[in-house]
Amino acid sequence: MNRVGFIASSLLVVLALASSMLFVVDQRQFGVVYALGQIKEVILEPGLNFKLPPPFQNVSYIDRRLLTLNSTDAEPMLTAEKQRVIIDWYVKWRITQPSEYIRNVGLDERAGANQLNRVVRNAFQEAINKRTVKELLSSERDTLMADVKSEVLKVVRGAQPWGIDVNDVRITRVDYVESITESVYRRMEAERKRVANELRSTGAAEGEKIRADADRQVAVTVANAYREAQKVKGEGDAQATGIYSESFGRDPQFAQFYRSLDAYRTSFDKKSDVMVIDPSSDFFKAMRSPGVGSAPKR
């Protein structure tokens, strides 16, 4: 039993020692082997590798993929015409020389991102100071991004290379600071309100003009219709008068009698009407005539 236990313990020790000496480098990483705090070897190719067990040698990994650095600073920058603007940008970068990167930048990607953020911001500030807002938004935008990339590459490839490469620099947003933005929005709102009020006034004036024209046409139409009606009525009255005159002229006594009856009908229109008239007046002459009630002679 002691022999079996010894063998099992030995195997466990050997396996533990072997596991501490073997390491795998992924295709997305660089492997950096340290010996007593100094870089011993940099593994550039993926695969299984060997090293001495700790504490003699240790291994760390650095990302070799294309990394993205987004702007996080909202501090405004001044343009050529002294306008305060805020820009959002991003940078595509990667670590190409792990040894130089560790010696001159840091042990992980975060250290490089922090220093690169400062360099990119300074380059943007210098480039924006030379351009107007209009150039930032249109004609000079591509040139500005190219100038910033060139300036950043000069720094990272300088006397103490960072061991990185900058693939792209892009501006995603250019905007005024909040106070100026609010002022611009207020001016835009006031302008829109002015235009709306002007359109309303023009519409109201056009409406009044249309209504006045319609009223004029109505008045003209009614007047013409009334004139035509009066003309027709006058012609009818003239014809009726002519007919009455012709009819009554044939028998004047009957005409006088007919007019008296019409006068009686008009005077005694209601049962409640009360009239005080002298019976001997001419008003009742037709009733006193000898031929009242008899048929007219033909």
Protein backbone atom coordinates (compact mmCIF):
# COMPACT_ATOMS: atom_id res chain seq x y z
CA MET A 1 0.00 0.00 0.00
CA ASN A 2 2.81 2.39 0.81
CA ARG A 3 4.37 1.68 -2.59
CA VAL A 4 1.10 2.27 -4.46
CA GLY A 5 0.51 5.49 -2.53
CA PHE A 6 4.03 6.65 -3.26
CA ILE A 7 3.59 5.98 -6.97
CA ALA A 8 0.24 7.77 -7.04
CA SER A 9 1.67 10.75 -5.19
CA SER A 10 4.64 10.86 -7.55
CA LEU A 11 2.36 10.81 -10.56
CA LEU A 12 0.31 13.66 -9.14
CA VAL A 13 3.45 15.70 -8.55
CA VAL A 14 4.68 15.00 -12.09
CA LEU A 15 1.30 15.99 -13.57
CA ALA A 16 1.19 19.18 -11.54
CA LEU A 17 4.75 20.02 -12.58
CA ALA A 18 3.97 19.28 -16.23
CA SER A 19 0.82 21.42 -16.15
CA SER A 20 2.83 24.31 -14.73
CA MET A 21 5.40 23.92 -17.55
CA LEU A 22 2.92 23.64 -20.45
CA PHE A 23 0.78 26.49 -21.74
CA VAL A 24 -1.32 27.15 -24.84
CA VAL A 25 -1.26 30.35 -26.83
CA ASP A 26 -4.55 31.12 -28.57
CA GLN A 27 -4.56 32.50 -32.13
CA ARG A 28 -6.12 35.70 -30.75
CA GLN A 29 -3.26 36.31 -28.30
CA PHE A 30 0.44 36.82 -27.81
CA GLY A 31 2.15 34.81 -25.11
CA VAL A 32 4.84 36.58 -23.07
CA VAL A 33 7.15 34.46 -20.89
CA TYR A 34 8.74 36.23 -17.91
CA ALA A 35 11.86 35.01 -16.07
CA LEU A 36 12.24 36.71 -12.69
CA GLY A 37 10.31 39.76 -13.91
CA GLN A 38 12.18 40.09 -17.22
CA ILE A 39 10.78 39.24 -20.66
CA LYS A 40 12.31 35.89 -21.58
CA GLU A 41 10.39 35.07 -24.73
CA VAL A 42 7.46 36.30 -26.79
CA ILE A 43 5.32 33.63 -28.42
CA LEU A 44 3.91 34.98 -31.69
CA GLU A 45 2.42 31.79 -33.11
CA PRO A 46 -0.50 29.87 -31.58
CA GLY A 47 0.06 26.38 -30.16
CA LEU A 48 1.42 24.38 -27.21
CA ASN A 49 4.58 25.75 -25.56
CA PHE A 50 6.92 24.94 -22.64
CA LYS A 51 8.40 27.02 -19.86
CA LEU A 52 10.01 26.52 -16.47
CA PRO A 53 7.63 26.11 -13.54
CA PRO A 54 6.88 29.10 -11.29
CA PRO A 55 8.48 31.02 -9.77
CA PHE A 56 11.27 30.63 -12.32
CA GLN A 57 9.09 31.54 -15.27
CA ASN A 58 5.56 32.93 -15.67
CA VAL A 59 3.41 33.61 -18.72
CA SER A 60 0.92 36.37 -19.51
CA TYR A 61 -1.25 37.03 -22.56
CA ILE A 62 -1.85 40.14 -24.65
CA ASP A 63 -4.70 40.53 -27.11
CA ARG A 64 -3.53 40.63 -30.72
CA ARG A 65 -6.94 41.40 -32.26
CA LEU A 66 -8.07 44.70 -33.71
CA LEU A 67 -9.21 46.82 -30.75
CA THR A 68 -11.62 49.77 -30.63
CA LEU A 69 -11.03 52.85 -28.52
CA ASN A 70 -14.10 55.11 -28.14
CA SER A 71 -13.91 58.67 -26.88
CA THR A 72 -15.09 59.16 -23.31
CA ASP A 73 -14.14 62.79 -22.67
CA ALA A 74 -16.97 65.32 -23.13
CA GLU A 75 -14.75 68.38 -22.70
CA PRO A 76 -15.37 70.89 -25.54
CA MET A 77 -12.76 71.93 -28.09
CA LEU A 78 -12.29 75.31 -29.77
CA THR A 79 -12.54 75.72 -33.54
CA ALA A 80 -10.77 78.32 -35.66
CA GLU A 81 -13.65 80.80 -35.11
CA LYS A 82 -13.55 80.13 -31.32
CA GLN A 83 -16.71 78.02 -31.30
CA ARG A 84 -16.94 75.42 -28.54
CA VAL A 85 -17.76 71.99 -29.99
CA ILE A 86 -17.89 68.47 -28.68
CA ILE A 87 -16.78 65.57 -30.88
CA ASP A 88 -17.18 61.82 -30.56
CA TRP A 89 -14.58 59.64 -32.21
CA TYR A 90 -13.20 56.12 -32.26
CA VAL A 91 -9.83 54.57 -33.10
CA LYS A 92 -9.09 51.10 -34.44
CA TRP A 93 -5.71 49.86 -33.17
CA ARG A 94 -3.80 46.66 -32.47
CA ILE A 95 -0.67 45.52 -30.66
CA THR A 96 2.00 44.43 -33.14
CA GLN A 97 5.19 44.23 -31.03
CA PRO A 98 4.44 42.81 -27.57
CA SER A 99 7.98 43.39 -26.25
CA GLU A 100 8.01 47.08 -27.12
CA TYR A 101 4.45 47.44 -25.89
CA ILE A 102 5.28 45.97 -22.45
CA ARG A 103 8.46 48.00 -22.07
CA ASN A 104 7.07 51.37 -23.19
CA VAL A 105 3.32 51.21 -22.50
CA GLY A 106 2.15 48.60 -20.00
CA LEU A 107 1.27 45.00 -19.28
CA ASP A 108 -2.28 44.96 -20.65
CA GLU A 109 -4.54 46.55 -23.26
CA ARG A 110 -6.06 49.02 -20.81
CA ALA A 111 -2.72 50.80 -20.33
CA GLY A 112 -2.37 51.29 -24.06
CA ALA A 113 -5.96 52.51 -24.40
CA ASN A 114 -5.45 55.13 -21.67
CA GLN A 115 -2.30 56.56 -23.24
CA LEU A 116 -3.69 56.37 -26.77
CA ASN A 117 -6.82 58.25 -25.66
CA ARG A 118 -4.67 61.16 -24.47
CA VAL A 119 -2.62 61.27 -27.69
CA VAL A 120 -5.68 61.08 -29.95
CA ARG A 121 -7.47 63.83 -28.03
CA ASN A 122 -4.44 66.15 -28.27
CA ALA A 123 -4.20 65.47 -32.02
CA PHE A 124 -7.89 66.25 -32.48
CA GLN A 125 -7.59 69.45 -30.47
CA GLU A 126 -4.68 70.65 -32.60
CA ALA A 127 -6.47 69.78 -35.86
CA ILE A 128 -9.81 71.34 -34.83
CA ASN A 129 -8.11 74.59 -33.76
CA LYS A 130 -7.17 75.09 -37.43
CA ARG A 131 -10.64 74.51 -38.90
CA THR A 132 -14.09 76.06 -38.80
CA VAL A 133 -17.32 74.30 -37.87
CA LYS A 134 -18.36 74.21 -41.53
CA GLU A 135 -15.11 72.47 -42.46
CA LEU A 136 -15.59 69.96 -39.65
CA LEU A 137 -19.02 69.07 -40.95
CA SER A 138 -18.23 68.91 -44.65
CA SER A 139 -15.20 69.60 -46.79
CA GLU A 140 -12.33 69.13 -44.33
CA ARG A 141 -13.68 66.21 -42.31
CA ASP A 142 -11.81 63.44 -44.14
CA THR A 143 -8.62 65.51 -44.23
CA LEU A 144 -8.90 66.17 -40.49
CA MET A 145 -9.22 62.45 -39.68
CA ALA A 146 -6.23 61.67 -41.90
CA ASP A 147 -4.16 64.40 -40.17
CA VAL A 148 -5.08 63.07 -36.74
CA LYS A 149 -4.13 59.52 -37.71
CA SER A 150 -0.80 60.74 -39.10
CA GLU A 151 -0.06 62.69 -35.91
CA VAL A 152 -0.94 59.73 -33.68
CA LEU A 153 1.29 57.41 -35.73
CA LYS A 154 4.20 59.85 -35.31
CA VAL A 155 3.83 59.59 -31.54
CA VAL A 156 3.43 55.81 -31.29
CA ARG A 157 6.31 55.23 -33.72
CA GLY A 158 8.61 57.82 -32.16
CA ALA A 159 11.88 57.45 -30.29
CA GLN A 160 10.26 54.92 -27.93
CA PRO A 161 7.87 52.91 -30.12
CA TRP A 162 4.71 51.70 -28.46
CA GLY A 163 4.62 48.48 -30.43
CA ILE A 164 1.13 49.25 -31.77
CA ASP A 165 -0.41 50.16 -35.10
CA VAL A 166 -3.31 52.58 -35.65
CA ASN A 167 -5.54 51.34 -38.48
CA ASP A 168 -8.26 53.98 -38.55
CA VAL A 169 -9.44 57.20 -36.91
CA ARG A 170 -13.06 58.31 -37.34
CA ILE A 171 -15.31 61.14 -36.14
CA THR A 172 -18.83 59.95 -35.32
CA ARG A 173 -20.40 63.22 -34.10
CA VAL A 174 -19.71 66.94 -34.08
CA ASP A 175 -22.00 69.10 -31.97
CA TYR A 176 -22.06 72.40 -30.14
CA VAL A 177 -21.87 72.49 -26.37
CA GLU A 178 -25.22 72.25 -24.59
CA SER A 179 -25.61 75.99 -23.93
CA ILE A 180 -25.02 76.87 -27.59
CA THR A 181 -27.24 73.99 -28.74
CA GLU A 182 -30.10 75.28 -26.61
CA SER A 183 -29.63 78.78 -28.02
CA VAL A 184 -29.62 77.43 -31.58
CA TYR A 185 -32.76 75.41 -30.88
CA ARG A 186 -34.49 78.48 -29.45
CA ARG A 187 -33.59 80.53 -32.53
CA MET A 188 -34.81 77.74 -34.79
CA GLU A 189 -38.04 77.50 -32.80
CA ALA A 190 -38.57 81.28 -32.96
CA GLU A 191 -37.94 81.24 -36.72
CA ARG A 192 -40.41 78.39 -37.23
CA LYS A 193 -43.00 80.21 -35.15
CA ARG A 194 -42.46 83.39 -37.18
CA VAL A 195 -42.94 81.50 -40.43
CA ALA A 196 -46.04 79.76 -39.03
CA ASN A 197 -47.55 83.07 -37.91
CA GLU A 198 -46.80 84.60 -41.29
CA LEU A 199 -48.49 81.69 -43.05
CA ARG A 200 -51.49 81.95 -40.72
CA SER A 201 -51.78 85.69 -41.42
CA THR A 202 -51.54 85.14 -45.16
CA GLY A 203 -54.16 82.40 -44.94
CA ALA A 204 -56.48 84.57 -42.87
CA ALA A 205 -56.14 87.43 -45.38
CA GLU A 206 -56.83 85.09 -48.30
CA GLY A 207 -59.84 83.69 -46.40
CA GLU A 208 -61.25 87.16 -45.82
CA LYS A 209 -60.70 88.01 -49.48
CA ILE A 210 -62.51 84.86 -50.61
CA ARG A 211 -65.39 85.44 -48.17
CA ALA A 212 -65.74 89.09 -49.27
CA ASP A 213 -65.80 88.05 -52.93
CA ALA A 214 -68.39 85.36 -52.14
CA ASP A 215 -70.56 87.89 -50.25
CA ARG A 216 -70.28 90.32 -53.17
CA GLN A 217 -71.32 87.64 -55.63
CA VAL A 218 -74.24 86.67 -53.38
CA ALA A 219 -75.39 90.31 -53.14
CA VAL A 220 -75.09 90.77 -56.91
CA THR A 221 -76.96 87.54 -57.59
CA VAL A 222 -79.76 88.42 -55.14
CA ALA A 223 -80.05 91.93 -56.56
CA ASN A 224 -80.22 90.60 -60.12
CA ALA A 225 -82.80 88.03 -59.07
CA TYR A 226 -84.86 90.67 -57.27
CA ARG A 227 -84.68 92.95 -60.30
CA GLU A 228 -85.82 90.16 -62.60
CA ALA A 229 -88.60 89.22 -60.16
CA GLN A 230 -89.80 92.80 -59.95
CA LYS A 231 -89.66 93.07 -63.73
CA VAL A 232 -91.71 89.89 -64.14
CA LYS A 233 -94.13 91.03 -61.41
CA GLY A 234 -94.52 94.41 -63.05
CA GLU A 235 -95.22 92.81 -66.41
CA GLY A 236 -97.76 90.49 -64.72
CA ASP A 237 -99.42 93.40 -62.94
CA ALA A 238 -99.57 95.33 -66.19
CA GLN A 239 -101.16 92.40 -67.97
CA ALA A 240 -103.61 91.87 -65.09
CA THR A 241 -104.52 95.56 -65.09
CA GLY A 242 -105.06 95.44 -68.80
CA ILE A 243 -107.27 92.40 -68.49
CA TYR A 244 -109.24 93.99 -65.63
CA SER A 245 -109.65 97.22 -67.56
CA GLU A 246 -110.79 95.40 -70.65
CA SER A 247 -113.20 93.25 -68.64
CA PHE A 248 -114.58 96.05 -66.52
CA GLY A 249 -114.87 98.38 -69.50
CA ARG A 250 -117.50 96.18 -71.03
CA ASP A 251 -119.81 96.57 -67.96
CA PRO A 252 -118.91 99.55 -65.71
CA GLN A 253 -121.81 98.89 -63.35
CA PHE A 254 -120.63 95.35 -62.71
CA ALA A 255 -117.06 96.57 -62.27
CA GLN A 256 -118.17 99.05 -59.64
CA PHE A 257 -120.16 96.33 -57.90
CA TYR A 258 -117.16 93.91 -58.00
CA ARG A 259 -114.83 96.50 -56.51
CA SER A 260 -117.30 97.19 -53.70
CA LEU A 261 -117.49 93.49 -52.86
CA ASP A 262 -113.73 93.27 -52.81
CA ALA A 263 -113.63 96.26 -50.47
CA TYR A 264 -116.22 94.63 -48.18
CA ARG A 265 -114.20 91.42 -48.12
CA THR A 266 -111.05 93.25 -47.15
CA SER A 267 -112.78 95.39 -44.50
CA PHE A 268 -114.69 92.58 -42.84
CA ASP A 269 -111.83 90.13 -42.84
CA LYS A 270 -112.33 88.97 -39.21
CA LYS A 271 -115.46 88.31 -37.20
CA SER A 272 -114.13 90.35 -34.33
CA ASP A 273 -113.65 93.45 -36.45
CA VAL A 274 -115.86 96.35 -35.41
CA MET A 275 -116.45 99.32 -37.73
CA VAL A 276 -118.47 102.45 -37.08
CA ILE A 277 -119.64 103.73 -40.49
CA ASP A 278 -122.52 105.92 -41.54
CA PRO A 279 -124.97 103.68 -43.50
CA SER A 280 -125.75 106.56 -45.78
CA SER A 281 -122.10 106.82 -46.86
CA ASP A 282 -120.97 105.85 -50.33
CA PHE A 283 -119.22 102.76 -48.84
CA PHE A 284 -122.60 100.91 -48.79
CA LYS A 285 -123.81 102.33 -52.07
CA ALA A 286 -123.55 98.95 -53.79
CA MET A 287 -125.79 97.35 -51.18
CA ARG A 288 -128.42 100.05 -51.57
CA SER A 289 -128.53 99.77 -55.33
CA PRO A 290 -131.84 98.43 -56.73
CA GLY A 291 -130.17 95.67 -58.70
CA VAL A 292 -128.28 94.07 -55.77
CA GLY A 293 -128.92 90.41 -55.55
CA SER A 294 -130.33 90.14 -59.12
CA ALA A 295 -128.44 88.52 -61.93
CA PRO A 296 -126.79 90.93 -64.34
CA LYS A 297 -128.51 91.45 -67.67
CA ARG A 298 -126.68 90.24 -70.75
